[in-house]
Amino acid sequence: MTTKNKIAIAIFIIAITLIIVVTIFFHHQSSETIQTPSALVKIAKVKQIPMAKTLVTYGMVSLAPEHIQQITIQNEALVQQIFVTQGQHVNKGDPLLRLSTTASSRLNLENAKIAVDFAKKEVDRLEKLRSQYLATNADVQAVKQNLAKSEAALNNLNQQQQNETGKVLQSDCNCNIVAINVQPGQVVSPATILLTYANTNEVQIRLGIEYDDLAKIHVGQKVVITSIYNNSLSYTASINNITDQIDPKTGLIDVIVPLGNVMGLIPGSMIEGKIFIEPEKNMLAVPRSAVLYENDKPYVFVDINGKAIKRWITVGEDNGQFVAIKSGINANESVVIAGNYELKNGMTLRVESQP
């Protein structure tokens, strides 16, 4: 073999060796990349916040009974026109309905006038008899009392008819029409309830609780009321009454929470009530999104030097936004709150910068 051939073979062997080395190097780098995946996540500090043991219940907005009023009449009347509908909001001075007199009410008024005329004549007669010593002072006093009663009855009928008939009855408050009990053209008798209305700014909440939870509830407990339809409508109040019977429709016990003068809650609408069973106190807590479950056991991913470390935890109260942590993590540690569903223990974290 010539020297030139030997040199060519040596160069070929060196080239093959270099190719093999480069291939092994890049394969190793590629394997490391596959074996160490990363995930883009958001993190939050574990911190102490005020939390309390609560009982979440549901109920309905209703009108406070003490603010429900009814319109009745003292004389028979004819309903000529109704200006409102059930559920309508009316302002003070708005027209409600128009009434007119009936033949019977007019007859009652005429009879009252006749009674007054008769009583006056009776007084004149008894006074003449007394001047002739044929009647006593007591007799005259009795007929004068009867005249006074007859005149009072006539004045009352006149006043009632002026107030109730021949004109439009108006609302005396800013309120809602709860019920209309009559129809146009109907003749209504005395003491008939024409309509029911209530001040809608004075509402109360009826919450339903299970019988098993009754021992936890007492008058005076704090309650946060939130509208199911608009969670920006939220009010804080307290329990002022617990009914002592089970509602046959719901199977629950009603708890009454007066709200007073609030805006936005419509009678009949559904609400959520969060009853504070115990006073608030500072607890270690994490955002609710940080807590994951495996076989019903809670855990979180903690950011340790850029790595996702899985930690089993014991949870406490849950207020819908934060979950109290009894054990498993410490204050000021950072937990993953977004992107944690794709994490595995030891995975590299790419933390999204906070705005």
Protein backbone atom coordinates (compact mmCIF):
# COMPACT_ATOMS: atom_id res chain seq x y z
CA MET A 1 0.00 0.00 0.00
CA THR A 2 1.41 3.33 -0.99
CA THR A 3 1.89 6.22 1.40
CA LYS A 4 -0.82 8.23 -0.41
CA ASN A 5 -3.36 5.47 0.08
CA LYS A 6 -2.51 5.22 3.76
CA ILE A 7 -3.08 8.97 4.20
CA ALA A 8 -6.45 8.76 2.41
CA ILE A 9 -7.62 5.90 4.63
CA ALA A 10 -6.57 7.81 7.78
CA ILE A 11 -8.49 10.91 6.66
CA PHE A 12 -11.59 8.79 5.94
CA ILE A 13 -11.44 7.17 9.41
CA ILE A 14 -11.07 10.59 11.09
CA ALA A 15 -14.04 11.97 9.13
CA ILE A 16 -16.27 9.02 10.10
CA THR A 17 -15.22 9.43 13.75
CA LEU A 18 -16.13 13.14 13.71
CA ILE A 19 -19.53 12.42 12.16
CA ILE A 20 -20.27 9.85 14.85
CA VAL A 21 -19.20 12.22 17.66
CA VAL A 22 -21.33 15.10 16.30
CA THR A 23 -24.34 12.81 15.87
CA ILE A 24 -24.04 11.51 19.44
CA PHE A 25 -23.72 15.08 20.80
CA PHE A 26 -26.83 16.43 19.07
CA HIS A 27 -28.80 13.32 19.97
CA HIS A 28 -27.86 13.85 23.61
CA GLN A 29 -28.92 17.53 23.47
CA SER A 30 -32.23 16.56 21.85
CA SER A 31 -32.86 13.91 24.52
CA GLU A 32 -32.24 16.45 27.29
CA THR A 33 -34.73 18.83 25.69
CA ILE A 34 -37.41 16.13 25.53
CA GLN A 35 -36.77 14.99 29.07
CA THR A 36 -37.03 18.49 30.58
CA PRO A 37 -40.27 20.09 29.27
CA SER A 38 -41.50 23.43 30.63
CA ALA A 39 -44.85 25.16 31.03
CA LEU A 40 -45.99 28.78 31.01
CA VAL A 41 -47.75 29.49 34.31
CA LYS A 42 -48.99 32.18 36.67
CA ILE A 43 -48.06 32.11 40.33
CA ALA A 44 -49.29 33.78 43.53
CA LYS A 45 -47.92 34.13 47.05
CA VAL A 46 -49.45 32.17 49.91
CA LYS A 47 -50.75 34.80 52.33
CA GLN A 48 -53.01 35.30 55.31
CA ILE A 49 -56.46 36.76 54.68
CA PRO A 50 -59.60 37.12 56.84
CA MET A 51 -61.82 34.06 56.40
CA ALA A 52 -64.61 32.40 58.32
CA LYS A 53 -66.62 29.21 58.42
CA THR A 54 -69.74 29.88 56.38
CA LEU A 55 -72.93 28.16 55.30
CA VAL A 56 -74.06 28.87 51.73
CA THR A 57 -77.82 28.90 51.27
CA TYR A 58 -80.29 30.13 48.68
CA GLY A 59 -83.55 31.99 48.91
CA MET A 60 -85.80 34.66 47.48
CA VAL A 61 -86.32 38.40 47.74
CA SER A 62 -89.69 39.22 49.30
CA LEU A 63 -91.47 42.31 50.56
CA ALA A 64 -91.36 43.10 54.26
CA PRO A 65 -94.86 42.43 55.67
CA GLU A 66 -94.85 45.60 57.75
CA HIS A 67 -94.53 47.66 54.57
CA ILE A 68 -97.41 45.98 52.70
CA GLN A 69 -100.56 48.11 52.61
CA GLN A 70 -104.09 47.66 51.27
CA ILE A 71 -106.67 50.05 49.89
CA THR A 72 -110.24 49.40 51.06
CA ILE A 73 -113.48 51.36 50.90
CA GLN A 74 -116.19 52.02 53.45
CA ASN A 75 -119.06 52.45 50.99
CA GLU A 76 -120.32 50.47 48.07
CA ALA A 77 -118.74 51.74 44.84
CA LEU A 78 -118.40 51.01 41.15
CA VAL A 79 -114.89 50.43 39.75
CA GLN A 80 -114.78 52.57 36.62
CA GLN A 81 -111.11 52.35 35.62
CA ILE A 82 -107.85 50.73 36.78
CA PHE A 83 -104.63 52.53 35.83
CA VAL A 84 -102.04 50.01 37.10
CA THR A 85 -101.06 46.36 36.64
CA GLN A 86 -99.72 43.79 39.08
CA GLY A 87 -95.97 44.21 39.65
CA GLN A 88 -95.91 47.77 38.32
CA HIS A 89 -93.83 50.39 40.11
CA VAL A 90 -95.70 53.62 40.89
CA ASN A 91 -94.53 56.91 42.32
CA LYS A 92 -96.26 59.00 44.94
CA GLY A 93 -99.25 60.77 43.34
CA ASP A 94 -99.60 58.34 40.40
CA PRO A 95 -103.22 57.34 39.61
CA LEU A 96 -104.33 53.90 40.78
CA LEU A 97 -108.05 53.57 40.01
CA ARG A 98 -111.26 55.53 39.55
CA LEU A 99 -114.44 54.82 41.52
CA SER A 100 -117.99 56.14 41.23
CA THR A 101 -121.04 55.97 43.46
CA THR A 102 -123.76 53.35 43.09
CA ALA A 103 -127.49 53.58 43.64
CA SER A 104 -127.05 51.83 46.96
CA SER A 105 -124.39 54.25 48.20
CA ARG A 106 -126.48 57.21 47.13
CA LEU A 107 -129.45 55.68 48.98
CA ASN A 108 -127.34 55.33 52.12
CA LEU A 109 -126.44 59.01 51.88
CA GLU A 110 -130.09 60.01 51.42
CA ASN A 111 -131.10 57.88 54.40
CA ALA A 112 -128.43 59.60 56.49
CA LYS A 113 -129.78 63.00 55.49
CA ILE A 114 -133.33 61.89 56.40
CA ALA A 115 -132.06 60.65 59.78
CA VAL A 116 -130.52 64.08 60.48
CA ASP A 117 -133.73 65.90 59.50
CA PHE A 118 -135.79 63.61 61.70
CA ALA A 119 -133.42 64.10 64.64
CA LYS A 120 -133.62 67.89 64.30
CA LYS A 121 -137.42 67.82 64.31
CA GLU A 122 -137.36 65.52 67.32
CA VAL A 123 -135.15 68.00 69.20
CA ASP A 124 -137.58 70.86 68.39
CA ARG A 125 -140.55 68.78 69.52
CA LEU A 126 -138.96 67.74 72.83
CA GLU A 127 -137.84 71.29 73.61
CA LYS A 128 -141.44 72.55 73.12
CA LEU A 129 -142.72 69.77 75.37
CA ARG A 130 -140.14 70.68 78.00
CA SER A 131 -141.30 74.31 77.90
CA GLN A 132 -144.77 72.96 78.69
CA TYR A 133 -143.32 70.77 81.44
CA LEU A 134 -144.31 67.68 79.45
CA ALA A 135 -140.71 66.49 78.90
CA THR A 136 -137.63 66.39 81.09
CA ASN A 137 -134.15 67.75 80.51
CA ALA A 138 -132.97 64.16 80.17
CA ASP A 139 -135.42 63.58 77.32
CA VAL A 140 -134.13 66.64 75.48
CA GLN A 141 -130.50 65.64 76.10
CA ALA A 142 -131.16 62.16 74.67
CA VAL A 143 -132.59 63.47 71.38
CA LYS A 144 -129.74 65.99 71.08
CA GLN A 145 -127.24 63.14 71.42
CA ASN A 146 -129.13 61.23 68.73
CA LEU A 147 -128.95 64.31 66.46
CA ALA A 148 -125.19 64.56 67.02
CA LYS A 149 -124.76 60.90 66.08
CA SER A 150 -126.87 61.30 62.94
CA GLU A 151 -124.92 64.38 61.85
CA ALA A 152 -121.61 62.58 62.47
CA ALA A 153 -122.78 59.61 60.39
CA LEU A 154 -123.86 61.93 57.56
CA ASN A 155 -120.56 63.82 57.63
CA ASN A 156 -118.66 60.52 57.62
CA LEU A 157 -120.59 59.26 54.58
CA ASN A 158 -120.07 62.56 52.77
CA GLN A 159 -116.35 62.50 53.51
CA GLN A 160 -115.98 58.87 52.47
CA GLN A 161 -117.80 59.39 49.21
CA GLN A 162 -115.74 62.46 48.45
CA ASN A 163 -112.54 60.51 49.15
CA GLU A 164 -113.51 57.25 47.49
CA THR A 165 -115.91 57.95 44.66
CA GLY A 166 -116.20 60.32 41.77
CA LYS A 167 -112.45 60.85 41.56
CA VAL A 168 -109.14 59.06 41.00
CA LEU A 169 -107.44 57.35 43.95
CA GLN A 170 -103.71 58.10 43.97
CA SER A 171 -100.63 56.37 45.39
CA ASP A 172 -99.33 57.80 48.65
CA CYS A 173 -95.80 56.36 48.24
CA ASN A 174 -93.14 55.14 45.82
CA CYS A 175 -94.11 51.48 45.76
CA ASN A 176 -94.97 48.33 43.80
CA ILE A 177 -98.43 46.98 43.08
CA VAL A 178 -98.51 43.54 44.69
CA ALA A 179 -102.08 42.50 43.82
CA ILE A 180 -105.21 43.90 42.16
CA ASN A 181 -108.37 42.38 43.60
CA VAL A 182 -111.07 44.04 41.47
CA GLN A 183 -111.99 44.51 37.81
CA PRO A 184 -113.40 47.46 35.86
CA GLY A 185 -117.19 47.48 36.02
CA GLN A 186 -117.30 45.58 39.30
CA VAL A 187 -119.51 46.78 42.13
CA VAL A 188 -117.58 46.37 45.36
CA SER A 189 -119.08 46.26 48.82
CA PRO A 190 -117.78 48.10 51.91
CA ALA A 191 -114.50 46.79 53.38
CA THR A 192 -113.50 45.18 50.07
CA ILE A 193 -109.74 45.18 49.41
CA LEU A 194 -109.24 46.94 46.09
CA LEU A 195 -105.49 46.46 45.71
CA THR A 196 -102.34 45.70 47.70
CA TYR A 197 -99.10 47.64 47.38
CA ALA A 198 -95.75 47.73 49.14
CA ASN A 199 -92.66 49.87 49.46
CA THR A 200 -90.12 47.97 47.32
CA ASN A 201 -87.19 49.75 48.96
CA GLU A 202 -88.00 47.83 52.15
CA VAL A 203 -87.28 44.21 51.23
CA GLN A 204 -86.37 41.11 53.17
CA ILE A 205 -84.72 37.81 52.26
CA ARG A 206 -86.13 34.38 53.04
CA LEU A 207 -83.28 31.86 53.09
CA GLY A 208 -83.92 28.11 53.24
CA ILE A 209 -81.73 25.96 55.47
CA GLU A 210 -81.68 22.22 56.11
CA TYR A 211 -82.97 20.97 59.45
CA ASP A 212 -79.52 19.46 60.16
CA ASP A 213 -77.97 22.95 59.94
CA LEU A 214 -80.49 24.56 62.30
CA ALA A 215 -78.24 24.17 65.37
CA LYS A 216 -75.56 26.29 63.65
CA ILE A 217 -77.87 29.23 63.01
CA HIS A 218 -78.91 31.94 65.44
CA VAL A 219 -80.37 35.44 65.37
CA GLY A 220 -77.77 38.16 64.80
CA GLN A 221 -75.39 36.17 62.59
CA LYS A 222 -73.81 38.07 59.72
CA VAL A 223 -75.11 37.23 56.23
CA VAL A 224 -73.80 38.35 52.85
CA ILE A 225 -76.62 38.50 50.30
CA THR A 226 -75.70 38.30 46.58
CA SER A 227 -78.02 38.33 43.57
CA ILE A 228 -77.90 35.15 41.47
CA TYR A 229 -78.43 37.22 38.32
CA ASN A 230 -75.93 40.00 39.08
CA ASN A 231 -73.14 39.26 41.56
CA SER A 232 -72.26 42.95 41.74
CA LEU A 233 -75.43 43.37 43.80
CA SER A 234 -74.17 42.27 47.21
CA TYR A 235 -75.32 43.41 50.65
CA THR A 236 -74.35 42.62 54.23
CA ALA A 237 -77.09 42.15 56.83
CA SER A 238 -77.93 39.91 59.79
CA ILE A 239 -80.53 37.31 60.70
CA ASN A 240 -83.44 38.68 62.72
CA ASN A 241 -85.83 35.71 62.72
CA ILE A 242 -85.77 31.92 62.33
CA THR A 243 -89.12 30.29 61.65
CA ASP A 244 -90.04 27.27 63.77
CA GLN A 245 -91.62 25.18 61.03
CA ILE A 246 -90.61 23.45 57.81
CA ASP A 247 -91.95 24.93 54.59
CA PRO A 248 -93.95 22.10 52.96
CA LYS A 249 -93.05 23.39 49.47
CA THR A 250 -89.28 23.38 49.94
CA GLY A 251 -88.73 21.06 52.90
CA LEU A 252 -86.52 23.76 54.40
CA ILE A 253 -86.69 26.09 57.41
CA ASP A 254 -86.97 29.78 56.55
CA VAL A 255 -84.47 32.27 57.93
CA ILE A 256 -85.49 35.93 57.64
CA VAL A 257 -82.89 38.58 56.80
CA PRO A 258 -84.22 42.18 56.50
CA LEU A 259 -82.30 44.40 54.09
CA GLY A 260 -84.19 47.65 54.50
CA ASN A 261 -83.65 50.35 51.90
CA VAL A 262 -81.64 48.74 49.07
CA MET A 263 -81.79 49.14 45.33
CA GLY A 264 -81.60 46.55 42.56
CA LEU A 265 -83.13 43.48 44.19
CA ILE A 266 -86.47 42.63 42.58
CA PRO A 267 -89.12 40.86 44.70
CA GLY A 268 -89.34 37.23 43.63
CA SER A 269 -85.74 37.05 42.36
CA MET A 270 -83.32 34.36 43.59
CA ILE A 271 -80.31 35.17 45.76
CA GLU A 272 -77.39 33.43 47.47
CA GLY A 273 -76.94 33.90 51.19
CA LYS A 274 -73.61 33.24 52.90
CA ILE A 275 -74.19 32.85 56.65
CA PHE A 276 -71.11 33.40 58.83
CA ILE A 277 -71.15 30.52 61.32
CA GLU A 278 -68.03 31.81 63.11
CA PRO A 279 -66.34 35.24 63.21
CA GLU A 280 -63.67 35.97 60.61
CA LYS A 281 -60.02 35.36 61.47
CA ASN A 282 -56.75 35.45 59.51
CA MET A 283 -55.90 32.16 57.79
CA LEU A 284 -53.26 30.98 55.31
CA ALA A 285 -55.01 30.87 51.96
CA VAL A 286 -54.42 30.45 48.24
CA PRO A 287 -56.58 31.35 45.25
CA ARG A 288 -59.14 28.66 44.56
CA SER A 289 -57.65 27.95 41.13
CA ALA A 290 -54.39 26.78 42.77
CA VAL A 291 -56.00 23.74 44.40
CA LEU A 292 -56.21 20.54 42.35
CA TYR A 293 -57.52 17.12 43.36
CA GLU A 294 -56.37 13.56 42.81
CA ASN A 295 -58.65 10.83 44.14
CA ASP A 296 -60.41 13.53 46.18
CA LYS A 297 -57.10 14.51 47.83
CA PRO A 298 -56.13 18.19 47.40
CA TYR A 299 -52.69 19.31 46.24
CA VAL A 300 -50.93 22.34 44.80
CA PHE A 301 -47.80 22.95 42.75
CA VAL A 302 -45.23 25.09 44.56
CA ASP A 303 -42.59 27.06 42.64
CA ILE A 304 -39.22 25.93 44.05
CA ASN A 305 -36.30 27.47 42.15
CA GLY A 306 -38.26 27.45 38.90
CA LYS A 307 -39.48 23.85 39.29
CA ALA A 308 -43.06 22.67 39.91
CA ILE A 309 -43.06 20.69 43.15
CA LYS A 310 -46.26 18.81 43.97
CA ARG A 311 -47.47 19.28 47.58
CA TRP A 312 -50.32 17.46 49.26
CA ILE A 313 -52.30 19.87 51.42
CA THR A 314 -55.14 19.98 53.94
CA VAL A 315 -57.80 22.54 53.07
CA GLY A 316 -60.20 24.51 55.27
CA GLU A 317 -62.83 27.12 54.48
CA ASP A 318 -63.68 28.08 50.90
CA ASN A 319 -65.19 31.55 50.29
CA GLY A 320 -65.50 31.11 46.55
CA GLN A 321 -62.31 33.01 45.76
CA PHE A 322 -59.79 31.69 48.28
CA VAL A 323 -59.29 28.35 50.03
CA ALA A 324 -57.85 28.21 53.53
CA ILE A 325 -54.82 25.93 53.93
CA LYS A 326 -54.39 24.05 57.22
CA SER A 327 -51.15 22.25 56.32
CA GLY A 328 -48.80 21.47 53.45
CA ILE A 329 -47.46 24.90 52.51
CA ASN A 330 -46.06 27.94 54.28
CA ALA A 331 -46.63 31.67 54.11
CA ASN A 332 -44.80 33.53 51.31
CA GLU A 333 -44.28 30.38 49.23
CA SER A 334 -45.49 30.71 45.64
CA VAL A 335 -48.12 28.41 44.18
CA VAL A 336 -49.17 27.96 40.56
CA ILE A 337 -52.64 29.42 39.93
CA ALA A 338 -52.87 29.09 36.12
CA GLY A 339 -51.38 26.46 33.83
CA ASN A 340 -51.23 23.96 36.70
CA TYR A 341 -53.43 21.35 35.00
CA GLU A 342 -50.63 20.46 32.57
CA LEU A 343 -47.87 20.30 35.16
CA LYS A 344 -46.02 17.25 36.38
CA ASN A 345 -43.81 17.02 39.42
CA GLY A 346 -40.38 18.55 38.70
CA MET A 347 -41.42 20.27 35.48
CA THR A 348 -39.62 23.51 34.64
CA LEU A 349 -41.72 26.64 35.06
CA ARG A 350 -41.83 29.63 32.79
CA VAL A 351 -43.54 32.24 34.94
CA GLU A 352 -45.73 34.73 33.12
CA SER A 353 -44.74 38.27 34.06
CA GLN A 354 -47.24 40.19 36.14
CA PRO A 355 -48.76 43.29 34.46
